[in-house]
Amino acid sequence: MNPISPPAPVRPRTDLLRVGLDAGQPYFLPDEEVPRSGTRVLQIFRPRAGMTASVHIWLAARSEVGRGEGTSGLGYDRLIDKKADT
């Protein structure tokens, strides 16, 4: 019988959730921080023209509400009164 190994941690794709990960520490996100509809975190390069017509670019991050819970299309049975035959 093969022992079940613990699941591998999900590696973040960005540095936003990398706090302590390289030091071997897990990063926990409390359940109450994420709404039922989910959260999307976006990283966007933002340009800005300086006073001397030079262009400065930085990486901005913003979060927004997710797309909502998915639906499985699951339906429930219903009880319907049937008229008795007379």
N, C-alpha and C. Protein backbone atom coordinates (compact mmCIF):
# COMPACT_ATOMS: atom_id res chain seq x y z
N MET A 1 0.83 -1.16 0.00
CA MET A 1 0.00 0.00 0.00
C MET A 1 0.89 1.24 0.00
N ASN A 2 0.63 2.16 -0.91
CA ASN A 2 1.43 3.38 -1.02
C ASN A 2 0.90 4.45 -0.08
N PRO A 3 1.76 5.04 0.73
CA PRO A 3 1.28 6.15 1.57
C PRO A 3 0.98 7.36 0.69
N ILE A 4 -0.03 8.09 1.08
CA ILE A 4 -0.42 9.28 0.32
C ILE A 4 0.48 10.43 0.74
N SER A 5 1.13 11.03 -0.22
CA SER A 5 2.00 12.16 0.09
C SER A 5 1.17 13.43 0.19
N PRO A 6 1.62 14.39 1.00
CA PRO A 6 0.86 15.63 1.11
C PRO A 6 0.88 16.38 -0.22
N PRO A 7 -0.14 17.16 -0.49
CA PRO A 7 -0.19 17.88 -1.76
C PRO A 7 0.93 18.92 -1.85
N ALA A 8 1.43 19.13 -3.03
CA ALA A 8 2.47 20.13 -3.24
C ALA A 8 1.86 21.53 -3.18
N PRO A 9 2.54 22.47 -2.57
CA PRO A 9 1.99 23.82 -2.51
C PRO A 9 1.91 24.45 -3.90
N VAL A 10 0.94 25.28 -4.08
CA VAL A 10 0.78 25.99 -5.35
C VAL A 10 1.76 27.15 -5.36
N ARG A 11 2.59 27.21 -6.35
CA ARG A 11 3.58 28.27 -6.45
C ARG A 11 2.93 29.51 -7.05
N PRO A 12 3.13 30.67 -6.45
CA PRO A 12 2.53 31.89 -7.01
C PRO A 12 3.20 32.28 -8.32
N ARG A 13 2.43 32.88 -9.19
CA ARG A 13 2.96 33.31 -10.48
C ARG A 13 3.60 34.69 -10.40
N THR A 14 3.33 35.41 -9.32
CA THR A 14 3.87 36.76 -9.15
C THR A 14 4.54 36.88 -7.79
N ASP A 15 5.14 38.01 -7.53
CA ASP A 15 5.79 38.27 -6.24
C ASP A 15 4.79 38.71 -5.18
N LEU A 16 3.55 38.98 -5.54
CA LEU A 16 2.58 39.49 -4.59
C LEU A 16 2.31 38.52 -3.44
N LEU A 17 2.28 37.25 -3.72
CA LEU A 17 1.99 36.25 -2.70
C LEU A 17 3.22 35.41 -2.36
N ARG A 18 4.38 35.96 -2.58
CA ARG A 18 5.61 35.23 -2.37
C ARG A 18 6.24 35.49 -1.01
N VAL A 19 5.59 36.21 -0.15
CA VAL A 19 6.14 36.59 1.15
C VAL A 19 6.53 35.35 1.94
N GLY A 20 7.81 35.20 2.24
CA GLY A 20 8.30 34.08 3.04
C GLY A 20 8.42 32.76 2.31
N LEU A 21 7.99 32.69 1.06
CA LEU A 21 8.00 31.42 0.34
C LEU A 21 9.42 30.93 0.08
N ASP A 22 10.32 31.83 -0.29
CA ASP A 22 11.69 31.41 -0.57
C ASP A 22 12.43 30.96 0.69
N ALA A 23 11.97 31.42 1.86
CA ALA A 23 12.57 31.00 3.12
C ALA A 23 11.95 29.71 3.64
N GLY A 24 11.07 29.12 2.87
CA GLY A 24 10.43 27.87 3.27
C GLY A 24 9.24 28.04 4.17
N GLN A 25 8.78 29.27 4.36
CA GLN A 25 7.61 29.53 5.19
C GLN A 25 6.36 29.53 4.33
N PRO A 26 5.29 28.91 4.79
CA PRO A 26 4.04 28.93 4.01
C PRO A 26 3.38 30.30 4.10
N TYR A 27 2.64 30.64 3.09
CA TYR A 27 1.88 31.89 3.07
C TYR A 27 0.41 31.53 3.19
N PHE A 28 -0.21 31.98 4.24
CA PHE A 28 -1.62 31.67 4.46
C PHE A 28 -2.46 32.89 4.17
N LEU A 29 -3.53 32.69 3.47
CA LEU A 29 -4.49 33.74 3.19
C LEU A 29 -5.78 33.34 3.90
N PRO A 30 -6.20 34.12 4.91
CA PRO A 30 -7.41 33.75 5.66
C PRO A 30 -8.64 33.69 4.74
N ASP A 31 -9.50 32.72 5.01
CA ASP A 31 -10.70 32.54 4.19
C ASP A 31 -11.56 33.80 4.14
N GLU A 32 -11.62 34.54 5.25
CA GLU A 32 -12.48 35.71 5.29
C GLU A 32 -11.95 36.86 4.42
N GLU A 33 -10.73 36.74 3.94
CA GLU A 33 -10.16 37.78 3.07
C GLU A 33 -10.64 37.63 1.62
N VAL A 34 -11.14 36.47 1.28
CA VAL A 34 -11.56 36.22 -0.10
C VAL A 34 -13.08 36.07 -0.12
N PRO A 35 -13.79 36.96 -0.84
CA PRO A 35 -15.25 36.83 -0.89
C PRO A 35 -15.68 35.61 -1.70
N ARG A 36 -16.93 35.23 -1.56
CA ARG A 36 -17.45 34.06 -2.29
C ARG A 36 -17.34 34.23 -3.79
N SER A 37 -17.40 35.45 -4.27
CA SER A 37 -17.30 35.69 -5.70
C SER A 37 -15.87 35.62 -6.20
N GLY A 38 -14.91 35.51 -5.28
CA GLY A 38 -13.50 35.41 -5.67
C GLY A 38 -12.85 36.78 -5.78
N THR A 39 -11.58 36.79 -6.02
CA THR A 39 -10.80 38.01 -6.19
C THR A 39 -9.82 37.80 -7.32
N ARG A 40 -9.71 38.80 -8.16
CA ARG A 40 -8.71 38.79 -9.23
C ARG A 40 -7.67 39.83 -8.89
N VAL A 41 -6.42 39.49 -9.01
CA VAL A 41 -5.32 40.43 -8.79
C VAL A 41 -4.65 40.64 -10.14
N LEU A 42 -4.59 41.87 -10.56
CA LEU A 42 -4.03 42.21 -11.86
C LEU A 42 -2.74 42.98 -11.68
N GLN A 43 -1.76 42.70 -12.51
CA GLN A 43 -0.54 43.47 -12.56
C GLN A 43 -0.44 44.09 -13.94
N ILE A 44 -0.23 45.40 -13.97
CA ILE A 44 -0.23 46.13 -15.23
C ILE A 44 0.96 47.07 -15.24
N PHE A 45 1.65 47.16 -16.36
CA PHE A 45 2.70 48.15 -16.51
C PHE A 45 2.05 49.49 -16.80
N ARG A 46 2.40 50.52 -16.03
CA ARG A 46 1.82 51.85 -16.16
C ARG A 46 2.89 52.84 -16.60
N PRO A 47 2.70 53.51 -17.74
CA PRO A 47 3.65 54.54 -18.15
C PRO A 47 3.23 55.91 -17.61
N ARG A 48 4.20 56.78 -17.44
CA ARG A 48 3.93 58.15 -17.02
C ARG A 48 5.00 59.04 -17.62
N ALA A 49 4.58 60.15 -18.18
CA ALA A 49 5.53 61.11 -18.74
C ALA A 49 6.05 61.99 -17.61
N GLY A 50 7.37 62.17 -17.57
CA GLY A 50 7.98 63.01 -16.54
C GLY A 50 7.97 64.48 -16.97
N MET A 51 8.48 65.32 -16.09
CA MET A 51 8.52 66.75 -16.36
C MET A 51 9.44 67.09 -17.53
N THR A 52 10.44 66.25 -17.78
CA THR A 52 11.40 66.52 -18.85
C THR A 52 11.09 65.70 -20.09
N ALA A 53 9.84 65.31 -20.24
CA ALA A 53 9.38 64.51 -21.38
C ALA A 53 9.96 63.10 -21.37
N SER A 54 10.54 62.69 -20.26
CA SER A 54 11.01 61.32 -20.15
C SER A 54 9.84 60.43 -19.72
N VAL A 55 9.92 59.17 -20.06
CA VAL A 55 8.84 58.24 -19.75
C VAL A 55 9.30 57.32 -18.63
N HIS A 56 8.49 57.19 -17.61
CA HIS A 56 8.75 56.30 -16.49
C HIS A 56 7.70 55.20 -16.52
N ILE A 57 8.12 53.97 -16.32
CA ILE A 57 7.19 52.84 -16.33
C ILE A 57 7.34 52.09 -15.01
N TRP A 58 6.23 51.76 -14.39
CA TRP A 58 6.26 50.97 -13.17
C TRP A 58 5.20 49.89 -13.25
N LEU A 59 5.35 48.91 -12.40
CA LEU A 59 4.42 47.80 -12.36
C LEU A 59 3.39 48.07 -11.27
N ALA A 60 2.15 48.21 -11.65
CA ALA A 60 1.07 48.48 -10.70
C ALA A 60 0.27 47.20 -10.48
N ALA A 61 -0.25 47.07 -9.28
CA ALA A 61 -1.10 45.91 -8.96
C ALA A 61 -2.41 46.43 -8.41
N ARG A 62 -3.49 45.79 -8.82
CA ARG A 62 -4.80 46.15 -8.28
C ARG A 62 -5.64 44.89 -8.18
N SER A 63 -6.58 44.93 -7.25
CA SER A 63 -7.46 43.78 -7.08
C SER A 63 -8.89 44.19 -7.40
N GLU A 64 -9.64 43.23 -7.86
CA GLU A 64 -11.05 43.49 -8.17
C GLU A 64 -11.85 42.24 -7.84
N VAL A 65 -13.14 42.41 -7.78
CA VAL A 65 -14.02 41.30 -7.45
C VAL A 65 -13.98 40.28 -8.58
N GLY A 66 -13.99 39.01 -8.21
CA GLY A 66 -13.94 37.94 -9.20
C GLY A 66 -15.23 37.84 -10.01
N ARG A 67 -15.31 36.83 -10.82
CA ARG A 67 -16.45 36.66 -11.72
C ARG A 67 -17.62 35.95 -11.06
N GLY A 68 -17.49 35.58 -9.84
CA GLY A 68 -18.60 34.93 -9.14
C GLY A 68 -18.46 33.43 -9.10
N GLU A 69 -19.34 32.84 -8.33
CA GLU A 69 -19.31 31.39 -8.20
C GLU A 69 -19.77 30.74 -9.49
N GLY A 70 -19.17 29.65 -9.81
CA GLY A 70 -19.61 28.91 -10.98
C GLY A 70 -20.88 28.15 -10.67
N THR A 71 -21.59 27.81 -11.70
CA THR A 71 -22.80 27.03 -11.51
C THR A 71 -22.63 25.67 -12.16
N SER A 72 -23.09 24.66 -11.49
CA SER A 72 -22.97 23.31 -12.03
C SER A 72 -24.19 22.91 -12.85
N GLY A 73 -25.25 23.74 -12.78
CA GLY A 73 -26.48 23.40 -13.48
C GLY A 73 -27.29 22.36 -12.72
N LEU A 74 -26.91 22.10 -11.48
CA LEU A 74 -27.60 21.12 -10.67
C LEU A 74 -29.02 21.58 -10.37
N GLY A 75 -29.97 20.73 -10.61
CA GLY A 75 -31.37 21.05 -10.31
C GLY A 75 -31.86 20.17 -9.17
N TYR A 76 -32.90 20.59 -8.55
CA TYR A 76 -33.45 19.84 -7.42
C TYR A 76 -34.82 19.30 -7.80
N ASP A 77 -35.15 18.16 -7.21
CA ASP A 77 -36.47 17.58 -7.43
C ASP A 77 -37.52 18.43 -6.71
N ARG A 78 -38.71 18.47 -7.27
CA ARG A 78 -39.81 19.20 -6.64
C ARG A 78 -40.99 18.25 -6.47
N LEU A 79 -41.70 18.45 -5.38
CA LEU A 79 -42.93 17.69 -5.16
C LEU A 79 -44.09 18.54 -5.64
N ILE A 80 -44.91 17.97 -6.50
CA ILE A 80 -46.06 18.68 -7.05
C ILE A 80 -47.30 17.90 -6.70
N ASP A 81 -48.28 18.58 -6.13
CA ASP A 81 -49.55 17.91 -5.80
C ASP A 81 -50.22 17.46 -7.09
N LYS A 82 -50.69 16.22 -7.07
CA LYS A 82 -51.38 15.68 -8.23
C LYS A 82 -52.86 15.53 -7.82
N LYS A 83 -53.74 15.99 -8.67
CA LYS A 83 -55.16 15.87 -8.38
C LYS A 83 -55.56 14.41 -8.40
N ALA A 84 -56.33 14.03 -7.42
CA ALA A 84 -56.79 12.65 -7.32
C ALA A 84 -57.83 12.38 -8.42
N ASP A 85 -57.78 11.18 -8.98
CA ASP A 85 -58.78 10.80 -9.99
C ASP A 85 -60.10 10.55 -9.27
N THR A 86 -61.16 11.13 -9.78
CA THR A 86 -62.47 10.92 -9.18
C THR A 86 -63.35 10.08 -10.03
